[in-house]
Amino acid sequence: MRSITAARYVTPLREGGSLPAVIEGDDDGLYVLKFRGAGQGPKALVAELVAGEIARALGLPMPELVFVDLDPELARTEPDPEIQQLIKDSAGLNLALDYLPGSINFDPVAEQVDGALASDVVWFDAFVSNVDRSFRNPNLLIWHRKPWLIDHGAALYFHHGWDGSPSHAGSAFPMIREHVLLAGADDIAGADARLAPKLAREDFAAIMAMVPDAWLVGADTPADPAEHRAAYVEHFMQRLAQRQRFVEEAVNARA
């Protein structure tokens, strides 16, 4: 994954509870920055990175993710004390998505998503336990007439306070019934047949290897980052093996 340095804070995006922001990188590109110092903490960045890279491995439309080095000196030019503190608390390594200029928020009333793609997204969100793709908060953008997946910080919700045990791997994920694309997902079984073969242990290991040690170690997690990475990989492997539970749950919810 590429790394950039934040050159300029452009504007806050106040729609999100974590107060993400548009920033300019030292490569002259624009990015949506997710702050490590936001209320959800580094686990939200772990979910953002891991779920985003799984989506990419599945071939789903996902903006590029980059690491961002944030200098606390950027806070000096910001008049808002809340933003100043957020920048200072997030000094160092953070995560950002490529900014999609001209994109608009997905409107479930006005926009139609292809049934196969809707099915794939429903399968993916059930696999990563993403609780945040509902009518209230679709977390989809339309860019060049195509839907793009964004904001996966609420995925892997079980890992907040997680001890690394595999107890959550077999969850049927009943919250899938709130999914904004569920009604149009007319081939969830086909999505399972298409997507499951694209994921393997080496894929999960490669994705977890991207996660910085500092984002994994905490008071509620195993002290050894390698041990914690291995626990995530095992969780995904067991979830893949037991996927029939969440596939059936999604099919029944749609029915």
C-alpha atoms as a PDB file:
ATOM      1  CA  MET A   1       0.000   0.000   0.000  1.00  0.00           C
ATOM      2  CA  ARG A   2       1.269   3.485  -0.824  1.00  0.00           C
ATOM      3  CA  SER A   3       2.262   5.997   1.839  1.00  0.00           C
ATOM      4  CA  ILE A   4       1.869   9.767   1.564  1.00  0.00           C
ATOM      5  CA  THR A   5       2.347  12.779   3.828  1.00  0.00           C
ATOM      6  CA  ALA A   6      -0.528  15.158   4.548  1.00  0.00           C
ATOM      7  CA  ALA A   7       0.432  18.524   3.062  1.00  0.00           C
ATOM      8  CA  ARG A   8      -2.761  20.470   3.754  1.00  0.00           C
ATOM      9  CA  TYR A   9      -6.005  20.063   5.674  1.00  0.00           C
ATOM     10  CA  VAL A  10      -8.732  21.072   3.206  1.00  0.00           C
ATOM     11  CA  THR A  11     -12.143  20.638   4.856  1.00  0.00           C
ATOM     12  CA  PRO A  12     -13.924  18.471   7.435  1.00  0.00           C
ATOM     13  CA  LEU A  13     -16.632  16.007   6.387  1.00  0.00           C
ATOM     14  CA  ARG A  14     -19.107  16.423   9.202  1.00  0.00           C
ATOM     15  CA  GLU A  15     -21.461  13.685   8.004  1.00  0.00           C
ATOM     16  CA  GLY A  16     -19.328  11.062   9.769  1.00  0.00           C
ATOM     17  CA  GLY A  17     -19.223  10.634  13.523  1.00  0.00           C
ATOM     18  CA  SER A  18     -15.435  10.310  13.427  1.00  0.00           C
ATOM     19  CA  LEU A  19     -15.068  13.708  11.670  1.00  0.00           C
ATOM     20  CA  PRO A  20     -13.044  12.555   8.632  1.00  0.00           C
ATOM     21  CA  ALA A  21     -11.554  15.252   6.430  1.00  0.00           C
ATOM     22  CA  VAL A  22     -10.472  15.957   2.884  1.00  0.00           C
ATOM     23  CA  ILE A  23      -6.720  16.506   2.814  1.00  0.00           C
ATOM     24  CA  GLU A  24      -4.151  17.195   0.116  1.00  0.00           C
ATOM     25  CA  GLY A  25      -1.206  14.829   0.001  1.00  0.00           C
ATOM     26  CA  ASP A  26       2.389  15.569  -0.868  1.00  0.00           C
ATOM     27  CA  ASP A  27       1.666  13.861  -4.211  1.00  0.00           C
ATOM     28  CA  ASP A  28      -0.878  16.656  -5.006  1.00  0.00           C
ATOM     29  CA  GLY A  29      -3.770  14.186  -4.724  1.00  0.00           C
ATOM     30  CA  LEU A  30      -6.883  14.639  -2.593  1.00  0.00           C
ATOM     31  CA  TYR A  31      -7.849  12.024  -0.016  1.00  0.00           C
ATOM     32  CA  VAL A  32     -10.485  11.419   2.649  1.00  0.00           C
ATOM     33  CA  LEU A  33      -8.502  11.025   5.858  1.00  0.00           C
ATOM     34  CA  LYS A  34      -9.649   8.746   8.684  1.00  0.00           C
ATOM     35  CA  PHE A  35      -8.056   9.885  11.946  1.00  0.00           C
ATOM     36  CA  ARG A  36      -6.427   7.416  14.307  1.00  0.00           C
ATOM     37  CA  GLY A  37      -7.270   9.750  17.193  1.00  0.00           C
ATOM     38  CA  ALA A  38     -11.025   9.780  16.518  1.00  0.00           C
ATOM     39  CA  GLY A  39     -13.432   8.345  19.074  1.00  0.00           C
ATOM     40  CA  GLN A  40     -13.501   4.829  17.592  1.00  0.00           C
ATOM     41  CA  GLY A  41      -9.712   4.563  17.917  1.00  0.00           C
ATOM     42  CA  PRO A  42      -7.257   2.560  15.803  1.00  0.00           C
ATOM     43  CA  LYS A  43      -9.561  -0.478  15.592  1.00  0.00           C
ATOM     44  CA  ALA A  44     -11.740   1.514  13.184  1.00  0.00           C
ATOM     45  CA  LEU A  45      -8.689   1.981  10.955  1.00  0.00           C
ATOM     46  CA  VAL A  46      -7.950  -1.747  11.155  1.00  0.00           C
ATOM     47  CA  ALA A  47     -11.515  -2.466   9.995  1.00  0.00           C
ATOM     48  CA  GLU A  48     -11.266   0.183   7.276  1.00  0.00           C
ATOM     49  CA  LEU A  49      -8.036  -1.266   5.911  1.00  0.00           C
ATOM     50  CA  VAL A  50      -8.861  -4.962   6.245  1.00  0.00           C
ATOM     51  CA  ALA A  51     -12.427  -4.796   4.928  1.00  0.00           C
ATOM     52  CA  GLY A  52     -11.380  -2.431   2.133  1.00  0.00           C
ATOM     53  CA  GLU A  53      -8.607  -4.709   0.965  1.00  0.00           C
ATOM     54  CA  ILE A  54     -10.887  -7.763   1.129  1.00  0.00           C
ATOM     55  CA  ALA A  55     -13.340  -5.853  -1.071  1.00  0.00           C
ATOM     56  CA  ARG A  56     -10.515  -5.151  -3.503  1.00  0.00           C
ATOM     57  CA  ALA A  57      -9.475  -8.826  -3.500  1.00  0.00           C
ATOM     58  CA  LEU A  58     -13.067  -9.683  -4.435  1.00  0.00           C
ATOM     59  CA  GLY A  59     -13.017  -7.237  -7.340  1.00  0.00           C
ATOM     60  CA  LEU A  60     -15.562  -4.858  -5.791  1.00  0.00           C
ATOM     61  CA  PRO A  61     -15.371  -1.118  -6.610  1.00  0.00           C
ATOM     62  CA  MET A  62     -13.291   0.330  -3.787  1.00  0.00           C
ATOM     63  CA  PRO A  63     -11.239   3.579  -3.783  1.00  0.00           C
ATOM     64  CA  GLU A  64      -7.513   3.207  -3.218  1.00  0.00           C
ATOM     65  CA  LEU A  65      -6.420   3.147   0.418  1.00  0.00           C
ATOM     66  CA  VAL A  66      -3.176   4.855   1.445  1.00  0.00           C
ATOM     67  CA  PHE A  67      -1.242   5.357   4.660  1.00  0.00           C
ATOM     68  CA  VAL A  68      -0.974   9.023   5.658  1.00  0.00           C
ATOM     69  CA  ASP A  69       1.708  10.541   7.847  1.00  0.00           C
ATOM     70  CA  LEU A  70       0.108  13.458   9.713  1.00  0.00           C
ATOM     71  CA  ASP A  71       2.217  16.284  11.158  1.00  0.00           C
ATOM     72  CA  PRO A  72       0.546  17.859  14.244  1.00  0.00           C
ATOM     73  CA  GLU A  73       1.800  21.247  12.993  1.00  0.00           C
ATOM     74  CA  LEU A  74      -1.119  21.219  10.521  1.00  0.00           C
ATOM     75  CA  ALA A  75      -3.363  21.995  13.501  1.00  0.00           C
ATOM     76  CA  ARG A  76      -1.936  25.514  13.714  1.00  0.00           C
ATOM     77  CA  THR A  77      -3.892  26.748  10.692  1.00  0.00           C
ATOM     78  CA  GLU A  78      -7.244  25.351  11.847  1.00  0.00           C
ATOM     79  CA  PRO A  79      -9.581  27.709  13.750  1.00  0.00           C
ATOM     80  CA  ASP A  80     -11.827  24.922  15.089  1.00  0.00           C
ATOM     81  CA  PRO A  81     -10.509  23.693  18.488  1.00  0.00           C
ATOM     82  CA  GLU A  82     -12.104  20.256  17.973  1.00  0.00           C
ATOM     83  CA  ILE A  83     -10.256  19.781  14.689  1.00  0.00           C
ATOM     84  CA  GLN A  84      -7.035  21.109  16.209  1.00  0.00           C
ATOM     85  CA  GLN A  85      -7.217  18.508  18.968  1.00  0.00           C
ATOM     86  CA  LEU A  86      -8.119  15.719  16.548  1.00  0.00           C
ATOM     87  CA  ILE A  87      -5.074  16.471  14.384  1.00  0.00           C
ATOM     88  CA  LYS A  88      -2.786  16.558  17.428  1.00  0.00           C
ATOM     89  CA  ASP A  89      -4.223  13.300  18.788  1.00  0.00           C
ATOM     90  CA  SER A  90      -3.693  11.647  15.392  1.00  0.00           C
ATOM     91  CA  ALA A  91      -0.076  12.684  14.825  1.00  0.00           C
ATOM     92  CA  GLY A  92       1.800   9.960  12.965  1.00  0.00           C
ATOM     93  CA  LEU A  93       0.327   7.181  10.841  1.00  0.00           C
ATOM     94  CA  ASN A  94      -3.301   7.342   9.688  1.00  0.00           C
ATOM     95  CA  LEU A  95      -5.389   5.969   6.807  1.00  0.00           C
ATOM     96  CA  ALA A  96      -7.116   7.620   3.856  1.00  0.00           C
ATOM     97  CA  LEU A  97      -9.230   6.782   0.820  1.00  0.00           C
ATOM     98  CA  ASP A  98      -8.745   8.308  -2.582  1.00  0.00           C
ATOM     99  CA  TYR A  99     -11.122  11.262  -2.966  1.00  0.00           C
ATOM    100  CA  LEU A 100     -13.577  10.749  -5.831  1.00  0.00           C
ATOM    101  CA  PRO A 101     -14.154  14.247  -7.273  1.00  0.00           C
ATOM    102  CA  GLY A 102     -17.704  14.917  -8.378  1.00  0.00           C
ATOM    103  CA  SER A 103     -19.116  11.823  -6.696  1.00  0.00           C
ATOM    104  CA  ILE A 104     -22.546  11.977  -5.062  1.00  0.00           C
ATOM    105  CA  ASN A 105     -24.115  10.043  -2.215  1.00  0.00           C
ATOM    106  CA  PHE A 106     -26.062   6.957  -3.252  1.00  0.00           C
ATOM    107  CA  ASP A 107     -29.829   7.509  -3.213  1.00  0.00           C
ATOM    108  CA  PRO A 108     -31.628   4.154  -2.782  1.00  0.00           C
ATOM    109  CA  VAL A 109     -34.821   5.652  -4.227  1.00  0.00           C
ATOM    110  CA  ALA A 110     -33.292   7.194  -7.344  1.00  0.00           C
ATOM    111  CA  GLU A 111     -30.440   4.754  -8.059  1.00  0.00           C
ATOM    112  CA  GLN A 112     -30.626   1.153  -9.238  1.00  0.00           C
ATOM    113  CA  VAL A 113     -27.711  -1.237  -8.681  1.00  0.00           C
ATOM    114  CA  ASP A 114     -27.218  -4.281 -10.896  1.00  0.00           C
ATOM    115  CA  GLY A 115     -28.555  -7.409  -9.185  1.00  0.00           C
ATOM    116  CA  ALA A 116     -25.262  -9.295  -9.401  1.00  0.00           C
ATOM    117  CA  LEU A 117     -23.290  -6.409  -7.905  1.00  0.00           C
ATOM    118  CA  ALA A 118     -25.913  -5.882  -5.186  1.00  0.00           C
ATOM    119  CA  SER A 119     -25.663  -9.584  -4.336  1.00  0.00           C
ATOM    120  CA  ASP A 120     -21.869  -9.410  -4.209  1.00  0.00           C
ATOM    121  CA  VAL A 121     -21.936  -6.397  -1.882  1.00  0.00           C
ATOM    122  CA  VAL A 122     -24.468  -8.059   0.429  1.00  0.00           C
ATOM    123  CA  TRP A 123     -22.288 -11.195   0.589  1.00  0.00           C
ATOM    124  CA  PHE A 124     -19.162  -9.135   1.275  1.00  0.00           C
ATOM    125  CA  ASP A 125     -20.797  -7.064   4.021  1.00  0.00           C
ATOM    126  CA  ALA A 126     -22.118 -10.209   5.715  1.00  0.00           C
ATOM    127  CA  PHE A 127     -18.662 -11.781   5.519  1.00  0.00           C
ATOM    128  CA  VAL A 128     -16.924  -8.798   7.169  1.00  0.00           C
ATOM    129  CA  SER A 129     -19.823  -8.147   9.585  1.00  0.00           C
ATOM    130  CA  ASN A 130     -20.350  -4.624   8.298  1.00  0.00           C
ATOM    131  CA  VAL A 131     -23.216  -3.078  10.270  1.00  0.00           C
ATOM    132  CA  ASP A 132     -23.087   0.206   8.378  1.00  0.00           C
ATOM    133  CA  ARG A 133     -24.578  -0.104   4.883  1.00  0.00           C
ATOM    134  CA  SER A 134     -28.209   0.618   5.730  1.00  0.00           C
ATOM    135  CA  PHE A 135     -30.859   2.990   4.395  1.00  0.00           C
ATOM    136  CA  ARG A 136     -29.876   5.407   7.165  1.00  0.00           C
ATOM    137  CA  ASN A 137     -26.239   5.339   6.105  1.00  0.00           C
ATOM    138  CA  PRO A 138     -25.629   3.577   2.764  1.00  0.00           C
ATOM    139  CA  ASN A 139     -21.871   4.302   2.629  1.00  0.00           C
ATOM    140  CA  LEU A 140     -21.985   4.168  -1.159  1.00  0.00           C
ATOM    141  CA  LEU A 141     -20.948   6.853  -3.623  1.00  0.00           C
ATOM    142  CA  ILE A 142     -21.965   7.159  -7.266  1.00  0.00           C
ATOM    143  CA  TRP A 143     -18.967   8.142  -9.362  1.00  0.00           C
ATOM    144  CA  HIS A 144     -18.967   7.988 -13.177  1.00  0.00           C
ATOM    145  CA  ARG A 145     -22.391   6.321 -12.914  1.00  0.00           C
ATOM    146  CA  LYS A 146     -20.944   3.459 -10.884  1.00  0.00           C
ATOM    147  CA  PRO A 147     -21.399   2.668  -7.163  1.00  0.00           C
ATOM    148  CA  TRP A 148     -18.268   2.697  -4.996  1.00  0.00           C
ATOM    149  CA  LEU A 149     -17.923   1.217  -1.513  1.00  0.00           C
ATOM    150  CA  ILE A 150     -16.650   3.523   1.243  1.00  0.00           C
ATOM    151  CA  ASP A 151     -16.393   3.702   5.033  1.00  0.00           C
ATOM    152  CA  HIS A 152     -15.803   0.256   6.516  1.00  0.00           C
ATOM    153  CA  GLY A 153     -14.719   1.417   9.964  1.00  0.00           C
ATOM    154  CA  ALA A 154     -17.824  -0.183  11.519  1.00  0.00           C
ATOM    155  CA  ALA A 155     -17.043  -3.623  10.042  1.00  0.00           C
ATOM    156  CA  LEU A 156     -15.493  -6.365  12.191  1.00  0.00           C
ATOM    157  CA  TYR A 157     -17.447  -4.848  15.091  1.00  0.00           C
ATOM    158  CA  PHE A 158     -16.631  -7.847  17.308  1.00  0.00           C
ATOM    159  CA  HIS A 159     -12.931  -6.924  17.482  1.00  0.00           C
ATOM    160  CA  HIS A 160     -13.540  -4.097  19.946  1.00  0.00           C
ATOM    161  CA  GLY A 161     -12.538  -5.823  23.164  1.00  0.00           C
ATOM    162  CA  TRP A 162     -11.776  -9.040  21.268  1.00  0.00           C
ATOM    163  CA  ASP A 163      -9.438 -11.573  22.883  1.00  0.00           C
ATOM    164  CA  GLY A 164      -8.686 -13.320  19.588  1.00  0.00           C
ATOM    165  CA  SER A 165     -11.015 -16.264  20.145  1.00  0.00           C
ATOM    166  CA  PRO A 166     -12.904 -17.678  17.133  1.00  0.00           C
ATOM    167  CA  SER A 167     -16.320 -17.443  18.819  1.00  0.00           C
ATOM    168  CA  HIS A 168     -17.693 -14.859  16.337  1.00  0.00           C
ATOM    169  CA  ALA A 169     -16.701 -16.644  13.138  1.00  0.00           C
ATOM    170  CA  GLY A 170     -19.957 -18.556  12.739  1.00  0.00           C
ATOM    171  CA  SER A 171     -22.296 -15.604  13.243  1.00  0.00           C
ATOM    172  CA  ALA A 172     -25.282 -15.613  10.889  1.00  0.00           C
ATOM    173  CA  PHE A 173     -25.185 -11.796  10.960  1.00  0.00           C
ATOM    174  CA  PRO A 174     -28.911 -11.070  11.287  1.00  0.00           C
ATOM    175  CA  MET A 175     -28.247  -7.325  10.823  1.00  0.00           C
ATOM    176  CA  ILE A 176     -27.981  -8.042   7.107  1.00  0.00           C
ATOM    177  CA  ARG A 177     -31.763  -7.512   6.947  1.00  0.00           C
ATOM    178  CA  GLU A 178     -31.057  -3.756   7.266  1.00  0.00           C
ATOM    179  CA  HIS A 179     -28.812  -3.716   4.169  1.00  0.00           C
ATOM    180  CA  VAL A 180     -29.652  -0.994   1.671  1.00  0.00           C
ATOM    181  CA  LEU A 181     -29.061  -3.282  -1.342  1.00  0.00           C
ATOM    182  CA  LEU A 182     -30.747  -6.414  -0.003  1.00  0.00           C
ATOM    183  CA  ALA A 183     -33.969  -5.989  -1.993  1.00  0.00           C
ATOM    184  CA  GLY A 184     -32.030  -5.887  -5.263  1.00  0.00           C
ATOM    185  CA  ALA A 185     -29.672  -8.729  -4.343  1.00  0.00           C
ATOM    186  CA  ASP A 186     -31.385 -11.372  -6.439  1.00  0.00           C
ATOM    187  CA  ASP A 187     -28.532 -13.891  -6.600  1.00  0.00           C
ATOM    188  CA  ILE A 188     -26.905 -14.183  -3.165  1.00  0.00           C
ATOM    189  CA  ALA A 189     -26.201 -17.891  -3.680  1.00  0.00           C
ATOM    190  CA  GLY A 190     -24.528 -17.014  -6.978  1.00  0.00           C
ATOM    191  CA  ALA A 191     -22.478 -14.340  -5.210  1.00  0.00           C
ATOM    192  CA  ASP A 192     -21.303 -16.998  -2.759  1.00  0.00           C
ATOM    193  CA  ALA A 193     -20.221 -19.220  -5.641  1.00  0.00           C
ATOM    194  CA  ARG A 194     -18.440 -16.300  -7.347  1.00  0.00           C
ATOM    195  CA  LEU A 195     -16.699 -14.719  -4.384  1.00  0.00           C
ATOM    196  CA  ALA A 196     -15.754 -17.432  -1.902  1.00  0.00           C
ATOM    197  CA  PRO A 197     -13.181 -19.056  -4.252  1.00  0.00           C
ATOM    198  CA  LYS A 198     -11.394 -15.688  -4.581  1.00  0.00           C
ATOM    199  CA  LEU A 199     -10.343 -15.714  -0.908  1.00  0.00           C
ATOM    200  CA  ALA A 200      -7.662 -17.915   0.625  1.00  0.00           C
ATOM    201  CA  ARG A 201      -5.477 -17.977   3.718  1.00  0.00           C
ATOM    202  CA  GLU A 202      -2.593 -16.295   1.910  1.00  0.00           C
ATOM    203  CA  ASP A 203      -4.878 -13.400   0.922  1.00  0.00           C
ATOM    204  CA  PHE A 204      -5.912 -12.773   4.517  1.00  0.00           C
ATOM    205  CA  ALA A 205      -2.311 -13.114   5.711  1.00  0.00           C
ATOM    206  CA  ALA A 206      -1.125 -10.582   3.115  1.00  0.00           C
ATOM    207  CA  ILE A 207      -3.846  -8.122   4.096  1.00  0.00           C
ATOM    208  CA  MET A 208      -3.141  -8.469   7.812  1.00  0.00           C
ATOM    209  CA  ALA A 209       0.569  -7.957   7.149  1.00  0.00           C
ATOM    210  CA  MET A 210      -0.305  -4.424   5.962  1.00  0.00           C
ATOM    211  CA  VAL A 211      -1.772  -3.454   9.345  1.00  0.00           C
ATOM    212  CA  PRO A 212       0.725  -1.490  11.477  1.00  0.00           C
ATOM    213  CA  ASP A 213       1.689  -3.085  14.794  1.00  0.00           C
ATOM    214  CA  ALA A 214       0.620   0.026  16.720  1.00  0.00           C
ATOM    215  CA  TRP A 215      -2.967  -0.330  15.506  1.00  0.00           C
ATOM    216  CA  LEU A 216      -3.195  -3.905  16.775  1.00  0.00           C
ATOM    217  CA  VAL A 217      -1.699  -3.675  20.255  1.00  0.00           C
ATOM    218  CA  GLY A 218      -3.906  -2.368  23.048  1.00  0.00           C
ATOM    219  CA  ALA A 219      -5.102  -3.010  26.565  1.00  0.00           C
ATOM    220  CA  ASP A 220      -7.843  -5.342  25.318  1.00  0.00           C
ATOM    221  CA  THR A 221      -5.824  -7.289  22.734  1.00  0.00           C
ATOM    222  CA  PRO A 222      -2.971  -9.820  22.774  1.00  0.00           C
ATOM    223  CA  ALA A 223       0.381  -8.099  23.286  1.00  0.00           C
ATOM    224  CA  ASP A 224       2.039  -9.843  20.335  1.00  0.00           C
ATOM    225  CA  PRO A 225       0.976  -8.291  16.988  1.00  0.00           C
ATOM    226  CA  ALA A 226       1.897 -11.475  15.132  1.00  0.00           C
ATOM    227  CA  GLU A 227      -0.402 -13.463  17.414  1.00  0.00           C
ATOM    228  CA  HIS A 228      -3.196 -10.981  16.838  1.00  0.00           C
ATOM    229  CA  ARG A 229      -2.739 -11.045  13.059  1.00  0.00           C
ATOM    230  CA  ALA A 230      -2.908 -14.833  13.132  1.00  0.00           C
ATOM    231  CA  ALA A 231      -6.186 -14.626  15.094  1.00  0.00           C
ATOM    232  CA  TYR A 232      -7.728 -12.408  12.412  1.00  0.00           C
ATOM    233  CA  VAL A 233      -6.591 -14.797   9.680  1.00  0.00           C
ATOM    234  CA  GLU A 234      -8.076 -17.742  11.546  1.00  0.00           C
ATOM    235  CA  HIS A 235     -11.325 -15.839  12.060  1.00  0.00           C
ATOM    236  CA  PHE A 236     -11.632 -15.201   8.321  1.00  0.00           C
ATOM    237  CA  MET A 237     -10.801 -18.800   7.446  1.00  0.00           C
ATOM    238  CA  GLN A 238     -13.438 -20.118   9.836  1.00  0.00           C
ATOM    239  CA  ARG A 239     -15.949 -17.537   8.614  1.00  0.00           C
ATOM    240  CA  LEU A 240     -15.313 -18.701   5.076  1.00  0.00           C
ATOM    241  CA  ALA A 241     -15.790 -22.328   6.105  1.00  0.00           C
ATOM    242  CA  GLN A 242     -19.043 -21.526   7.935  1.00  0.00           C
ATOM    243  CA  ARG A 243     -20.372 -19.025   5.403  1.00  0.00           C
ATOM    244  CA  GLN A 244     -23.519 -21.025   4.697  1.00  0.00           C
ATOM    245  CA  ARG A 245     -24.981 -19.565   7.897  1.00  0.00           C
ATOM    246  CA  PHE A 246     -24.732 -15.950   6.787  1.00  0.00           C
ATOM    247  CA  VAL A 247     -25.659 -16.814   3.184  1.00  0.00           C
ATOM    248  CA  GLU A 248     -28.874 -18.488   4.347  1.00  0.00           C
ATOM    249  CA  GLU A 249     -29.575 -15.594   6.718  1.00  0.00           C
ATOM    250  CA  ALA A 250     -29.289 -13.087   3.845  1.00  0.00           C
ATOM    251  CA  VAL A 251     -31.438 -15.196   1.505  1.00  0.00           C
ATOM    252  CA  ASN A 252     -34.121 -15.597   4.173  1.00  0.00           C
ATOM    253  CA  ALA A 253     -34.001 -11.907   5.098  1.00  0.00           C
ATOM    254  CA  ARG A 254     -34.562 -10.935   1.472  1.00  0.00           C
ATOM    255  CA  ALA A 255     -37.456 -13.397   1.190  1.00  0.00           C
END
